[in-house]
Amino acid sequence: MTKLIKPKDVTSSVHKRLNRTVVNKDSIEAMTRETDKMVTGTFVNIECPGQPAKIYGKYYKGMEPFCQVLEDDQKVTIPLSVARFINERCKHHKHSYILDDKGNPLKEDKPTPRYKFLVESIAA
């Protein structure tokens, strides 16, 4: 006759609920519809001057997806979360012609911004 094995308590430390609260209250992910105000400013394309840039994204929970093609030196009104994303996170690393031991090009330490959004006023 075989002995039945009873499962142990499932509320062990493995199954603890993770803390889902935002640590940085000033981050883009911590924004809400109430704190995400519209801002007016000028879009500048640093990477390819004179070229338009398509900005698309959903930056915090509950935000409607933002999709817009912004022209260089164009005055627009966009949400603050999108403006912060453009200024803080749209960056790339330049590759250099110096190679490492494996033959891969090295990246520069400082990222180069792709675009800039110059905020002029915050609309309520």
PDB file of N, CA and C in Angstrom:
ATOM      1  N   MET A   1       0.835  -1.160   0.000  1.00  0.00           N
ATOM      2  CA  MET A   1       0.000   0.000   0.000  1.00  0.00           C
ATOM      3  C   MET A   1       0.892   1.239   0.000  1.00  0.00           C
ATOM      4  N   THR A   2       0.544   2.217  -0.841  1.00  0.00           N
ATOM      5  CA  THR A   2       1.352   3.435  -0.928  1.00  0.00           C
ATOM      6  C   THR A   2       0.870   4.491   0.054  1.00  0.00           C
ATOM      7  N   LYS A   3       1.796   5.263   0.489  1.00  0.00           N
ATOM      8  CA  LYS A   3       1.490   6.309   1.446  1.00  0.00           C
ATOM      9  C   LYS A   3       1.217   7.616   0.691  1.00  0.00           C
ATOM     10  N   LEU A   4       0.143   8.302   1.034  1.00  0.00           N
ATOM     11  CA  LEU A   4      -0.189   9.568   0.401  1.00  0.00           C
ATOM     12  C   LEU A   4       0.675  10.685   0.985  1.00  0.00           C
ATOM     13  N   ILE A   5       1.153  11.544   0.102  1.00  0.00           N
ATOM     14  CA  ILE A   5       1.970  12.669   0.529  1.00  0.00           C
ATOM     15  C   ILE A   5       1.080  13.908   0.573  1.00  0.00           C
ATOM     16  N   LYS A   6       1.033  14.530   1.732  1.00  0.00           N
ATOM     17  CA  LYS A   6       0.244  15.751   1.876  1.00  0.00           C
ATOM     18  C   LYS A   6       1.092  16.945   1.429  1.00  0.00           C
ATOM     19  N   PRO A   7       0.504  17.857   0.655  1.00  0.00           N
ATOM     20  CA  PRO A   7       1.276  19.048   0.268  1.00  0.00           C
ATOM     21  C   PRO A   7       1.517  19.945   1.479  1.00  0.00           C
ATOM     22  N   LYS A   8       2.679  20.569   1.469  1.00  0.00           N
ATOM     23  CA  LYS A   8       3.009  21.476   2.568  1.00  0.00           C
ATOM     24  C   LYS A   8       2.231  22.777   2.405  1.00  0.00           C
ATOM     25  N   ASP A   9       2.336  23.609   3.381  1.00  0.00           N
ATOM     26  CA  ASP A   9       1.644  24.889   3.372  1.00  0.00           C
ATOM     27  C   ASP A   9       2.113  25.710   2.169  1.00  0.00           C
ATOM     28  N   VAL A  10       1.166  26.172   1.351  1.00  0.00           N
ATOM     29  CA  VAL A  10       1.522  26.897   0.132  1.00  0.00           C
ATOM     30  C   VAL A  10       1.816  28.367   0.390  1.00  0.00           C
ATOM     31  N   THR A  11       1.705  28.813   1.599  1.00  0.00           N
ATOM     32  CA  THR A  11       2.014  30.212   1.916  1.00  0.00           C
ATOM     33  C   THR A  11       3.455  30.356   2.378  1.00  0.00           C
ATOM     34  N   SER A  12       4.335  29.570   1.816  1.00  0.00           N
ATOM     35  CA  SER A  12       5.741  29.646   2.201  1.00  0.00           C
ATOM     36  C   SER A  12       6.362  30.914   1.616  1.00  0.00           C
ATOM     37  N   SER A  13       7.624  31.118   1.892  1.00  0.00           N
ATOM     38  CA  SER A  13       8.304  32.330   1.442  1.00  0.00           C
ATOM     39  C   SER A  13       8.441  32.393  -0.079  1.00  0.00           C
ATOM     40  N   VAL A  14       8.320  31.274  -0.755  1.00  0.00           N
ATOM     41  CA  VAL A  14       8.424  31.250  -2.206  1.00  0.00           C
ATOM     42  C   VAL A  14       7.216  31.928  -2.841  1.00  0.00           C
ATOM     43  N   HIS A  15       6.078  31.830  -2.221  1.00  0.00           N
ATOM     44  CA  HIS A  15       4.848  32.328  -2.797  1.00  0.00           C
ATOM     45  C   HIS A  15       4.416  33.687  -2.242  1.00  0.00           C
ATOM     46  N   LYS A  16       5.328  34.417  -1.633  1.00  0.00           N
ATOM     47  CA  LYS A  16       4.962  35.724  -1.110  1.00  0.00           C
ATOM     48  C   LYS A  16       4.633  36.672  -2.249  1.00  0.00           C
ATOM     49  N   ARG A  17       3.679  37.541  -2.018  1.00  0.00           N
ATOM     50  CA  ARG A  17       3.298  38.527  -3.018  1.00  0.00           C
ATOM     51  C   ARG A  17       4.393  39.595  -3.102  1.00  0.00           C
ATOM     52  N   LEU A  18       4.755  39.941  -4.338  1.00  0.00           N
ATOM     53  CA  LEU A  18       5.786  40.950  -4.540  1.00  0.00           C
ATOM     54  C   LEU A  18       5.206  42.339  -4.322  1.00  0.00           C
ATOM     55  N   ASN A  19       6.032  43.234  -3.849  1.00  0.00           N
ATOM     56  CA  ASN A  19       5.629  44.613  -3.641  1.00  0.00           C
ATOM     57  C   ASN A  19       5.592  45.321  -4.993  1.00  0.00           C
ATOM     58  N   ARG A  20       4.444  45.826  -5.388  1.00  0.00           N
ATOM     59  CA  ARG A  20       4.294  46.460  -6.689  1.00  0.00           C
ATOM     60  C   ARG A  20       4.186  47.978  -6.601  1.00  0.00           C
ATOM     61  N   THR A  21       4.543  48.580  -5.495  1.00  0.00           N
ATOM     62  CA  THR A  21       4.474  50.026  -5.386  1.00  0.00           C
ATOM     63  C   THR A  21       5.695  50.637  -6.057  1.00  0.00           C
ATOM     64  N   VAL A  22       5.512  51.820  -6.625  1.00  0.00           N
ATOM     65  CA  VAL A  22       6.580  52.496  -7.322  1.00  0.00           C
ATOM     66  C   VAL A  22       7.546  53.096  -6.309  1.00  0.00           C
ATOM     67  N   VAL A  23       8.834  52.869  -6.516  1.00  0.00           N
ATOM     68  CA  VAL A  23       9.836  53.358  -5.589  1.00  0.00           C
ATOM     69  C   VAL A  23      10.120  54.841  -5.831  1.00  0.00           C
ATOM     70  N   ASN A  24      10.319  55.213  -7.088  1.00  0.00           N
ATOM     71  CA  ASN A  24      10.624  56.600  -7.438  1.00  0.00           C
ATOM     72  C   ASN A  24       9.324  57.309  -7.805  1.00  0.00           C
ATOM     73  N   LYS A  25       8.858  58.176  -6.925  1.00  0.00           N
ATOM     74  CA  LYS A  25       7.575  58.859  -7.131  1.00  0.00           C
ATOM     75  C   LYS A  25       7.639  59.879  -8.264  1.00  0.00           C
ATOM     76  N   ASP A  26       8.843  60.307  -8.682  1.00  0.00           N
ATOM     77  CA  ASP A  26       8.989  61.301  -9.743  1.00  0.00           C
ATOM     78  C   ASP A  26       9.247  60.676 -11.108  1.00  0.00           C
ATOM     79  N   SER A  27       9.226  59.359 -11.214  1.00  0.00           N
ATOM     80  CA  SER A  27       9.519  58.702 -12.486  1.00  0.00           C
ATOM     81  C   SER A  27       8.324  58.796 -13.430  1.00  0.00           C
ATOM     82  N   ILE A  28       8.578  58.502 -14.688  1.00  0.00           N
ATOM     83  CA  ILE A  28       7.516  58.530 -15.693  1.00  0.00           C
ATOM     84  C   ILE A  28       6.491  57.450 -15.395  1.00  0.00           C
ATOM     85  N   GLU A  29       6.939  56.290 -14.911  1.00  0.00           N
ATOM     86  CA  GLU A  29       6.036  55.180 -14.635  1.00  0.00           C
ATOM     87  C   GLU A  29       5.090  55.483 -13.477  1.00  0.00           C
ATOM     88  N   ALA A  30       5.453  56.413 -12.586  1.00  0.00           N
ATOM     89  CA  ALA A  30       4.617  56.746 -11.436  1.00  0.00           C
ATOM     90  C   ALA A  30       3.559  57.791 -11.767  1.00  0.00           C
ATOM     91  N   MET A  31       3.575  58.311 -12.987  1.00  0.00           N
ATOM     92  CA  MET A  31       2.591  59.335 -13.358  1.00  0.00           C
ATOM     93  C   MET A  31       1.195  58.738 -13.473  1.00  0.00           C
ATOM     94  N   THR A  32       0.211  59.594 -13.313  1.00  0.00           N
ATOM     95  CA  THR A  32      -1.188  59.225 -13.508  1.00  0.00           C
ATOM     96  C   THR A  32      -1.810  60.248 -14.456  1.00  0.00           C
ATOM     97  N   ARG A  33      -3.061  60.037 -14.799  1.00  0.00           N
ATOM     98  CA  ARG A  33      -3.726  60.992 -15.684  1.00  0.00           C
ATOM     99  C   ARG A  33      -3.830  62.369 -15.045  1.00  0.00           C
ATOM    100  N   GLU A  34      -3.930  62.408 -13.712  1.00  0.00           N
ATOM    101  CA  GLU A  34      -4.050  63.684 -13.012  1.00  0.00           C
ATOM    102  C   GLU A  34      -2.725  64.444 -12.992  1.00  0.00           C
ATOM    103  N   THR A  35      -1.606  63.735 -12.881  1.00  0.00           N
ATOM    104  CA  THR A  35      -0.308  64.403 -12.804  1.00  0.00           C
ATOM    105  C   THR A  35       0.316  64.631 -14.173  1.00  0.00           C
ATOM    106  N   ASP A  36      -0.204  63.987 -15.209  1.00  0.00           N
ATOM    107  CA  ASP A  36       0.347  64.127 -16.560  1.00  0.00           C
ATOM    108  C   ASP A  36      -0.327  65.310 -17.248  1.00  0.00           C
ATOM    109  N   LYS A  37       0.283  66.474 -17.155  1.00  0.00           N
ATOM    110  CA  LYS A  37      -0.258  67.701 -17.749  1.00  0.00           C
ATOM    111  C   LYS A  37       0.240  67.850 -19.178  1.00  0.00           C
ATOM    112  N   MET A  38      -0.455  68.665 -19.943  1.00  0.00           N
ATOM    113  CA  MET A  38      -0.033  68.970 -21.307  1.00  0.00           C
ATOM    114  C   MET A  38       1.000  70.098 -21.259  1.00  0.00           C
ATOM    115  N   VAL A  39       2.058  69.977 -22.058  1.00  0.00           N
ATOM    116  CA  VAL A  39       3.088  71.005 -22.132  1.00  0.00           C
ATOM    117  C   VAL A  39       3.239  71.468 -23.580  1.00  0.00           C
ATOM    118  N   THR A  40       3.561  72.738 -23.736  1.00  0.00           N
ATOM    119  CA  THR A  40       3.788  73.313 -25.054  1.00  0.00           C
ATOM    120  C   THR A  40       5.268  73.603 -25.183  1.00  0.00           C
ATOM    121  N   GLY A  41       5.817  73.271 -26.338  1.00  0.00           N
ATOM    122  CA  GLY A  41       7.236  73.498 -26.539  1.00  0.00           C
ATOM    123  C   GLY A  41       7.660  73.232 -27.965  1.00  0.00           C
ATOM    124  N   THR A  42       8.958  73.270 -28.186  1.00  0.00           N
ATOM    125  CA  THR A  42       9.541  73.080 -29.503  1.00  0.00           C
ATOM    126  C   THR A  42      10.291  71.759 -29.537  1.00  0.00           C
ATOM    127  N   PHE A  43      10.032  70.958 -30.571  1.00  0.00           N
ATOM    128  CA  PHE A  43      10.716  69.682 -30.760  1.00  0.00           C
ATOM    129  C   PHE A  43      11.951  69.923 -31.626  1.00  0.00           C
ATOM    130  N   VAL A  44      13.094  69.387 -31.193  1.00  0.00           N
ATOM    131  CA  VAL A  44      14.349  69.532 -31.928  1.00  0.00           C
ATOM    132  C   VAL A  44      14.911  68.143 -32.198  1.00  0.00           C
ATOM    133  N   ASN A  45      15.196  67.859 -33.460  1.00  0.00           N
ATOM    134  CA  ASN A  45      15.801  66.592 -33.856  1.00  0.00           C
ATOM    135  C   ASN A  45      17.309  66.799 -33.894  1.00  0.00           C
ATOM    136  N   ILE A  46      18.015  66.252 -32.903  1.00  0.00           N
ATOM    137  CA  ILE A  46      19.461  66.427 -32.791  1.00  0.00           C
ATOM    138  C   ILE A  46      20.199  65.447 -33.698  1.00  0.00           C
ATOM    139  N   GLU A  47      19.690  64.229 -33.783  1.00  0.00           N
ATOM    140  CA  GLU A  47      20.374  63.177 -34.538  1.00  0.00           C
ATOM    141  C   GLU A  47      20.368  63.462 -36.037  1.00  0.00           C
ATOM    142  N   CYS A  48      19.205  63.806 -36.587  1.00  0.00           N
ATOM    143  CA  CYS A  48      19.066  64.101 -38.020  1.00  0.00           C
ATOM    144  C   CYS A  48      18.328  65.426 -38.169  1.00  0.00           C
ATOM    145  N   PRO A  49      19.015  66.557 -38.110  1.00  0.00           N
ATOM    146  CA  PRO A  49      18.343  67.850 -38.193  1.00  0.00           C
ATOM    147  C   PRO A  49      17.532  67.993 -39.484  1.00  0.00           C
ATOM    148  N   GLY A  50      16.343  68.550 -39.350  1.00  0.00           N
ATOM    149  CA  GLY A  50      15.469  68.760 -40.500  1.00  0.00           C
ATOM    150  C   GLY A  50      14.565  67.588 -40.810  1.00  0.00           C
ATOM    151  N   GLN A  51      14.766  66.446 -40.177  1.00  0.00           N
ATOM    152  CA  GLN A  51      13.968  65.251 -40.448  1.00  0.00           C
ATOM    153  C   GLN A  51      12.857  65.090 -39.411  1.00  0.00           C
ATOM    154  N   PRO A  52      11.703  64.549 -39.801  1.00  0.00           N
ATOM    155  CA  PRO A  52      10.655  64.271 -38.812  1.00  0.00           C
ATOM    156  C   PRO A  52      11.001  63.028 -37.993  1.00  0.00           C
ATOM    157  N   ALA A  53      10.366  62.904 -36.831  1.00  0.00           N
ATOM    158  CA  ALA A  53      10.596  61.748 -35.958  1.00  0.00           C
ATOM    159  C   ALA A  53       9.247  61.246 -35.470  1.00  0.00           C
ATOM    160  N   LYS A  54       9.051  59.938 -35.529  1.00  0.00           N
ATOM    161  CA  LYS A  54       7.816  59.338 -35.038  1.00  0.00           C
ATOM    162  C   LYS A  54       8.030  58.932 -33.587  1.00  0.00           C
ATOM    163  N   ILE A  55       7.201  59.469 -32.706  1.00  0.00           N
ATOM    164  CA  ILE A  55       7.258  59.145 -31.284  1.00  0.00           C
ATOM    165  C   ILE A  55       6.022  58.328 -30.965  1.00  0.00           C
ATOM    166  N   TYR A  56       6.238  57.127 -30.438  1.00  0.00           N
ATOM    167  CA  TYR A  56       5.141  56.227 -30.118  1.00  0.00           C
ATOM    168  C   TYR A  56       5.419  55.573 -28.782  1.00  0.00           C
ATOM    169  N   GLY A  57       4.406  55.498 -27.925  1.00  0.00           N
ATOM    170  CA  GLY A  57       4.612  54.795 -26.666  1.00  0.00           C
ATOM    171  C   GLY A  57       3.464  54.943 -25.701  1.00  0.00           C
ATOM    172  N   LYS A  58       3.494  54.095 -24.703  1.00  0.00           N
ATOM    173  CA  LYS A  58       2.562  54.098 -23.577  1.00  0.00           C
ATOM    174  C   LYS A  58       3.461  54.045 -22.353  1.00  0.00           C
ATOM    175  N   TYR A  59       3.595  55.167 -21.642  1.00  0.00           N
ATOM    176  CA  TYR A  59       4.656  55.312 -20.669  1.00  0.00           C
ATOM    177  C   TYR A  59       4.255  55.040 -19.230  1.00  0.00           C
ATOM    178  N   TYR A  60       2.980  54.996 -18.927  1.00  0.00           N
ATOM    179  CA  TYR A  60       2.554  54.633 -17.574  1.00  0.00           C
ATOM    180  C   TYR A  60       1.237  53.874 -17.670  1.00  0.00           C
ATOM    181  N   LYS A  61       0.909  53.175 -16.606  1.00  0.00           N
ATOM    182  CA  LYS A  61      -0.292  52.346 -16.577  1.00  0.00           C
ATOM    183  C   LYS A  61      -1.537  53.226 -16.688  1.00  0.00           C
ATOM    184  N   GLY A  62      -2.416  52.892 -17.599  1.00  0.00           N
ATOM    185  CA  GLY A  62      -3.642  53.643 -17.800  1.00  0.00           C
ATOM    186  C   GLY A  62      -3.533  54.742 -18.842  1.00  0.00           C
ATOM    187  N   MET A  63      -2.354  54.959 -19.389  1.00  0.00           N
ATOM    188  CA  MET A  63      -2.175  55.995 -20.411  1.00  0.00           C
ATOM    189  C   MET A  63      -2.636  55.476 -21.758  1.00  0.00           C
ATOM    190  N   GLU A  64      -3.299  56.331 -22.516  1.00  0.00           N
ATOM    191  CA  GLU A  64      -3.638  55.964 -23.884  1.00  0.00           C
ATOM    192  C   GLU A  64      -2.362  56.049 -24.715  1.00  0.00           C
ATOM    193  N   PRO A  65      -2.158  55.137 -25.659  1.00  0.00           N
ATOM    194  CA  PRO A  65      -0.921  55.170 -26.451  1.00  0.00           C
ATOM    195  C   PRO A  65      -0.779  56.496 -27.197  1.00  0.00           C
ATOM    196  N   PHE A  66       0.419  57.035 -27.152  1.00  0.00           N
ATOM    197  CA  PHE A  66       0.721  58.295 -27.836  1.00  0.00           C
ATOM    198  C   PHE A  66       1.430  57.969 -29.133  1.00  0.00           C
ATOM    199  N   CYS A  67       0.943  58.503 -30.242  1.00  0.00           N
ATOM    200  CA  CYS A  67       1.569  58.283 -31.539  1.00  0.00           C
ATOM    201  C   CYS A  67       1.466  59.574 -32.337  1.00  0.00           C
ATOM    202  N   GLN A  68       2.618  60.151 -32.653  1.00  0.00           N
ATOM    203  CA  GLN A  68       2.623  61.396 -33.400  1.00  0.00           C
ATOM    204  C   GLN A  68       3.950  61.536 -34.128  1.00  0.00           C
ATOM    205  N   VAL A  69       3.897  62.106 -35.317  1.00  0.00           N
ATOM    206  CA  VAL A  69       5.105  62.416 -36.070  1.00  0.00           C
ATOM    207  C   VAL A  69       5.414  63.884 -35.808  1.00  0.00           C
ATOM    208  N   LEU A  70       6.583  64.150 -35.228  1.00  0.00           N
ATOM    209  CA  LEU A  70       6.974  65.505 -34.876  1.00  0.00           C
ATOM    210  C   LEU A  70       8.012  66.010 -35.865  1.00  0.00           C
ATOM    211  N   GLU A  71       7.764  67.192 -36.396  1.00  0.00           N
ATOM    212  CA  GLU A  71       8.697  67.827 -37.326  1.00  0.00           C
ATOM    213  C   GLU A  71       9.766  68.579 -36.534  1.00  0.00           C
ATOM    214  N   ASP A  72      10.929  68.736 -37.130  1.00  0.00           N
ATOM    215  CA  ASP A  72      12.016  69.468 -36.488  1.00  0.00           C
ATOM    216  C   ASP A  72      11.648  70.950 -36.387  1.00  0.00           C
ATOM    217  N   ASP A  73      11.913  71.562 -35.226  1.00  0.00           N
ATOM    218  CA  ASP A  73      11.601  72.967 -34.912  1.00  0.00           C
ATOM    219  C   ASP A  73      10.106  73.268 -35.003  1.00  0.00           C
ATOM    220  N   GLN A  74       9.283  72.305 -34.656  1.00  0.00           N
ATOM    221  CA  GLN A  74       7.832  72.474 -34.669  1.00  0.00           C
ATOM    222  C   GLN A  74       7.345  72.726 -33.250  1.00  0.00           C
ATOM    223  N   LYS A  75       6.425  73.694 -33.087  1.00  0.00           N
ATOM    224  CA  LYS A  75       5.811  73.951 -31.784  1.00  0.00           C
ATOM    225  C   LYS A  75       4.610  73.034 -31.650  1.00  0.00           C
ATOM    226  N   VAL A  76       4.594  72.219 -30.588  1.00  0.00           N
ATOM    227  CA  VAL A  76       3.507  71.274 -30.369  1.00  0.00           C
ATOM    228  C   VAL A  76       3.111  71.260 -28.899  1.00  0.00           C
ATOM    229  N   THR A  77       1.936  70.713 -28.639  1.00  0.00           N
ATOM    230  CA  THR A  77       1.472  70.480 -27.273  1.00  0.00           C
ATOM    231  C   THR A  77       1.349  68.979 -27.091  1.00  0.00           C
ATOM    232  N   ILE A  78       2.143  68.442 -26.155  1.00  0.00           N
ATOM    233  CA  ILE A  78       2.165  67.003 -25.905  1.00  0.00           C
ATOM    234  C   ILE A  78       2.092  66.771 -24.393  1.00  0.00           C
ATOM    235  N   PRO A  79       1.789  65.531 -23.951  1.00  0.00           N
ATOM    236  CA  PRO A  79       1.788  65.238 -22.512  1.00  0.00           C
ATOM    237  C   PRO A  79       3.195  65.357 -21.909  1.00  0.00           C
ATOM    238  N   LEU A  80       3.244  65.690 -20.627  1.00  0.00           N
ATOM    239  CA  LEU A  80       4.511  65.831 -19.912  1.00  0.00           C
ATOM    240  C   LEU A  80       5.297  64.525 -19.900  1.00  0.00           C
ATOM    241  N   SER A  81       4.605  63.388 -19.800  1.00  0.00           N
ATOM    242  CA  SER A  81       5.300  62.099 -19.784  1.00  0.00           C
ATOM    243  C   SER A  81       6.048  61.858 -21.090  1.00  0.00           C
ATOM    244  N   VAL A  82       5.468  62.256 -22.210  1.00  0.00           N
ATOM    245  CA  VAL A  82       6.127  62.092 -23.509  1.00  0.00           C
ATOM    246  C   VAL A  82       7.326  63.033 -23.607  1.00  0.00           C
ATOM    247  N   ALA A  83       7.166  64.270 -23.132  1.00  0.00           N
ATOM    248  CA  ALA A  83       8.275  65.228 -23.158  1.00  0.00           C
ATOM    249  C   ALA A  83       9.435  64.735 -22.297  1.00  0.00           C
ATOM    250  N   ARG A  84       9.126  64.180 -21.128  1.00  0.00           N
ATOM    251  CA  ARG A  84      10.185  63.644 -20.268  1.00  0.00           C
ATOM    252  C   ARG A  84      10.849  62.436 -20.907  1.00  0.00           C
ATOM    253  N   PHE A  85      10.071  61.587 -21.584  1.00  0.00           N
ATOM    254  CA  PHE A  85      10.646  60.436 -22.278  1.00  0.00           C
ATOM    255  C   PHE A  85      11.607  60.897 -23.370  1.00  0.00           C
ATOM    256  N   ILE A  86      11.210  61.908 -24.140  1.00  0.00           N
ATOM    257  CA  ILE A  86      12.072  62.417 -25.213  1.00  0.00           C
ATOM    258  C   ILE A  86      13.368  62.967 -24.629  1.00  0.00           C
ATOM    259  N   ASN A  87      13.284  63.729 -23.554  1.00  0.00           N
ATOM    260  CA  ASN A  87      14.467  64.377 -22.998  1.00  0.00           C
ATOM    261  C   ASN A  87      15.359  63.438 -22.194  1.00  0.00           C
ATOM    262  N   GLU A  88      14.772  62.445 -21.517  1.00  0.00           N
ATOM    263  CA  GLU A  88      15.551  61.610 -20.606  1.00  0.00           C
ATOM    264  C   GLU A  88      15.966  60.264 -21.176  1.00  0.00           C
ATOM    265  N   ARG A  89      15.171  59.690 -22.078  1.00  0.00           N
ATOM    266  CA  ARG A  89      15.435  58.300 -22.459  1.00  0.00           C
ATOM    267  C   ARG A  89      15.708  58.057 -23.936  1.00  0.00           C
ATOM    268  N   CYS A  90      15.473  59.005 -24.809  1.00  0.00           N
ATOM    269  CA  CYS A  90      15.758  58.814 -26.238  1.00  0.00           C
ATOM    270  C   CYS A  90      17.231  59.103 -26.484  1.00  0.00           C
ATOM    271  N   LYS A  91      18.072  58.116 -26.250  1.00  0.00           N
ATOM    272  CA  LYS A  91      19.524  58.269 -26.391  1.00  0.00           C
ATOM    273  C   LYS A  91      20.100  57.044 -27.085  1.00  0.00           C
ATOM    274  N   HIS A  92      21.278  57.199 -27.631  1.00  0.00           N
ATOM    275  CA  HIS A  92      21.990  56.072 -28.216  1.00  0.00           C
ATOM    276  C   HIS A  92      23.480  56.210 -27.912  1.00  0.00           C
ATOM    277  N   HIS A  93      24.180  55.097 -27.970  1.00  0.00           N
ATOM    278  CA  HIS A  93      25.631  55.085 -27.754  1.00  0.00           C
ATOM    279  C   HIS A  93      26.317  55.107 -29.110  1.00  0.00           C
ATOM    280  N   LYS A  94      27.298  55.954 -29.244  1.00  0.00           N
ATOM    281  CA  LYS A  94      28.061  55.997 -30.484  1.00  0.00           C
ATOM    282  C   LYS A  94      29.069  54.851 -30.489  1.00  0.00           C
ATOM    283  N   HIS A  95      29.235  54.244 -31.636  1.00  0.00           N
ATOM    284  CA  HIS A  95      30.260  53.215 -31.791  1.00  0.00           C
ATOM    285  C   HIS A  95      31.552  53.884 -32.251  1.00  0.00           C
ATOM    286  N   SER A  96      32.660  53.359 -31.784  1.00  0.00           N
ATOM    287  CA  SER A  96      33.953  53.908 -32.182  1.00  0.00           C
ATOM    288  C   SER A  96      34.640  52.927 -33.125  1.00  0.00           C
ATOM    289  N   TYR A  97      35.718  53.386 -33.711  1.00  0.00           N
ATOM    290  CA  TYR A  97      36.477  52.525 -34.612  1.00  0.00           C
ATOM    291  C   TYR A  97      37.518  51.699 -33.871  1.00  0.00           C
ATOM    292  N   ILE A  98      37.643  51.910 -32.564  1.00  0.00           N
ATOM    293  CA  ILE A  98      38.569  51.130 -31.758  1.00  0.00           C
ATOM    294  C   ILE A  98      37.904  49.794 -31.440  1.00  0.00           C
ATOM    295  N   LEU A  99      38.628  48.716 -31.617  1.00  0.00           N
ATOM    296  CA  LEU A  99      38.086  47.376 -31.400  1.00  0.00           C
ATOM    297  C   LEU A  99      38.626  46.796 -30.101  1.00  0.00           C
ATOM    298  N   ASP A 100      37.806  45.950 -29.464  1.00  0.00           N
ATOM    299  CA  ASP A 100      38.273  45.266 -28.258  1.00  0.00           C
ATOM    300  C   ASP A 100      39.014  43.990 -28.657  1.00  0.00           C
ATOM    301  N   ASP A 101      39.328  43.136 -27.671  1.00  0.00           N
ATOM    302  CA  ASP A 101      40.106  41.917 -27.927  1.00  0.00           C
ATOM    303  C   ASP A 101      39.407  40.951 -28.860  1.00  0.00           C
ATOM    304  N   LYS A 102      38.061  40.961 -28.841  1.00  0.00           N
ATOM    305  CA  LYS A 102      37.290  40.028 -29.672  1.00  0.00           C
ATOM    306  C   LYS A 102      36.956  40.602 -31.041  1.00  0.00           C
ATOM    307  N   GLY A 103      37.329  41.838 -31.316  1.00  0.00           N
ATOM    308  CA  GLY A 103      37.071  42.440 -32.619  1.00  0.00           C
ATOM    309  C   GLY A 103      35.775  43.220 -32.689  1.00  0.00           C
ATOM    310  N   ASN A 104      35.099  43.426 -31.552  1.00  0.00           N
ATOM    311  CA  ASN A 104      33.857  44.190 -31.534  1.00  0.00           C
ATOM    312  C   ASN A 104      34.161  45.668 -31.301  1.00  0.00           C
ATOM    313  N   PRO A 105      33.407  46.585 -31.962  1.00  0.00           N
ATOM    314  CA  PRO A 105      33.665  48.007 -31.735  1.00  0.00           C
ATOM    315  C   PRO A 105      33.245  48.408 -30.323  1.00  0.00           C
ATOM    316  N   LEU A 106      34.028  49.286 -29.706  1.00  0.00           N
ATOM    317  CA  LEU A 106      33.722  49.757 -28.359  1.00  0.00           C
ATOM    318  C   LEU A 106      32.649  50.839 -28.411  1.00  0.00           C
ATOM    319  N   LYS A 107      31.855  50.925 -27.357  1.00  0.00           N
ATOM    320  CA  LYS A 107      30.849  51.968 -27.250  1.00  0.00           C
ATOM    321  C   LYS A 107      31.384  53.072 -26.355  1.00  0.00           C
ATOM    322  N   GLU A 108      30.961  54.291 -26.637  1.00  0.00           N
ATOM    323  CA  GLU A 108      31.351  55.400 -25.784  1.00  0.00           C
ATOM    324  C   GLU A 108      30.587  55.310 -24.477  1.00  0.00           C
ATOM    325  N   ASP A 109      31.158  55.876 -23.428  1.00  0.00           N
ATOM    326  CA  ASP A 109      30.514  55.830 -22.118  1.00  0.00           C
ATOM    327  C   ASP A 109      29.309  56.745 -22.039  1.00  0.00           C
ATOM    328  N   LYS A 110      29.378  57.912 -22.643  1.00  0.00           N
ATOM    329  CA  LYS A 110      28.311  58.888 -22.519  1.00  0.00           C
ATOM    330  C   LYS A 110      27.322  58.731 -23.673  1.00  0.00           C
ATOM    331  N   PRO A 111      26.020  58.502 -23.373  1.00  0.00           N
ATOM    332  CA  PRO A 111      25.044  58.388 -24.449  1.00  0.00           C
ATOM    333  C   PRO A 111      24.764  59.744 -25.097  1.00  0.00           C
ATOM    334  N   THR A 112      24.445  59.713 -26.383  1.00  0.00           N
ATOM    335  CA  THR A 112      24.147  60.915 -27.144  1.00  0.00           C
ATOM    336  C   THR A 112      22.643  61.024 -27.327  1.00  0.00           C
ATOM    337  N   PRO A 113      22.030  62.190 -27.019  1.00  0.00           N
ATOM    338  CA  PRO A 113      20.576  62.318 -27.184  1.00  0.00           C
ATOM    339  C   PRO A 113      20.182  62.334 -28.653  1.00  0.00           C
ATOM    340  N   ARG A 114      19.040  61.717 -28.953  1.00  0.00           N
ATOM    341  CA  ARG A 114      18.509  61.717 -30.312  1.00  0.00           C
ATOM    342  C   ARG A 114      17.656  62.953 -30.573  1.00  0.00           C
ATOM    343  N   TYR A 115      16.789  63.270 -29.620  1.00  0.00           N
ATOM    344  CA  TYR A 115      15.864  64.386 -29.766  1.00  0.00           C
ATOM    345  C   TYR A 115      15.889  65.228 -28.497  1.00  0.00           C
ATOM    346  N   LYS A 116      15.301  66.424 -28.575  1.00  0.00           N
ATOM    347  CA  LYS A 116      15.164  67.292 -27.424  1.00  0.00           C
ATOM    348  C   LYS A 116      13.804  67.982 -27.531  1.00  0.00           C
ATOM    349  N   PHE A 117      13.140  68.141 -26.390  1.00  0.00           N
ATOM    350  CA  PHE A 117      11.887  68.880 -26.358  1.00  0.00           C
ATOM    351  C   PHE A 117      12.073  70.047 -25.411  1.00  0.00           C
ATOM    352  N   LEU A 118      12.048  71.251 -25.946  1.00  0.00           N
ATOM    353  CA  LEU A 118      12.243  72.458 -25.159  1.00  0.00           C
ATOM    354  C   LEU A 118      10.890  72.935 -24.661  1.00  0.00           C
ATOM    355  N   VAL A 119      10.615  72.757 -23.379  1.00  0.00           N
ATOM    356  CA  VAL A 119       9.321  73.103 -22.788  1.00  0.00           C
ATOM    357  C   VAL A 119       9.253  74.606 -22.574  1.00  0.00           C
ATOM    358  N   GLU A 120       8.177  75.209 -23.074  1.00  0.00           N
ATOM    359  CA  GLU A 120       7.983  76.643 -22.899  1.00  0.00           C
ATOM    360  C   GLU A 120       6.941  76.954 -21.859  1.00  0.00           C
ATOM    361  N   SER A 121       5.851  76.195 -21.832  1.00  0.00           N
ATOM    362  CA  SER A 121       4.801  76.437 -20.814  1.00  0.00           C
ATOM    363  C   SER A 121       4.052  75.155 -20.535  1.00  0.00           C
ATOM    364  N   ILE A 122       3.473  75.098 -19.343  1.00  0.00           N
ATOM    365  CA  ILE A 122       2.664  73.944 -18.944  1.00  0.00           C
ATOM    366  C   ILE A 122       1.208  74.371 -18.970  1.00  0.00           C
ATOM    367  N   ALA A 123       0.419  73.686 -19.789  1.00  0.00           N
ATOM    368  CA  ALA A 123      -1.012  73.973 -19.881  1.00  0.00           C
ATOM    369  C   ALA A 123      -1.747  73.159 -18.818  1.00  0.00           C
ATOM    370  N   ALA A 124      -2.722  73.749 -18.190  1.00  0.00           N
ATOM    371  CA  ALA A 124      -3.464  73.059 -17.123  1.00  0.00           C
ATOM    372  C   ALA A 124      -4.484  72.114 -17.670  1.00  0.00           C
TER     373      ALA A 124
END
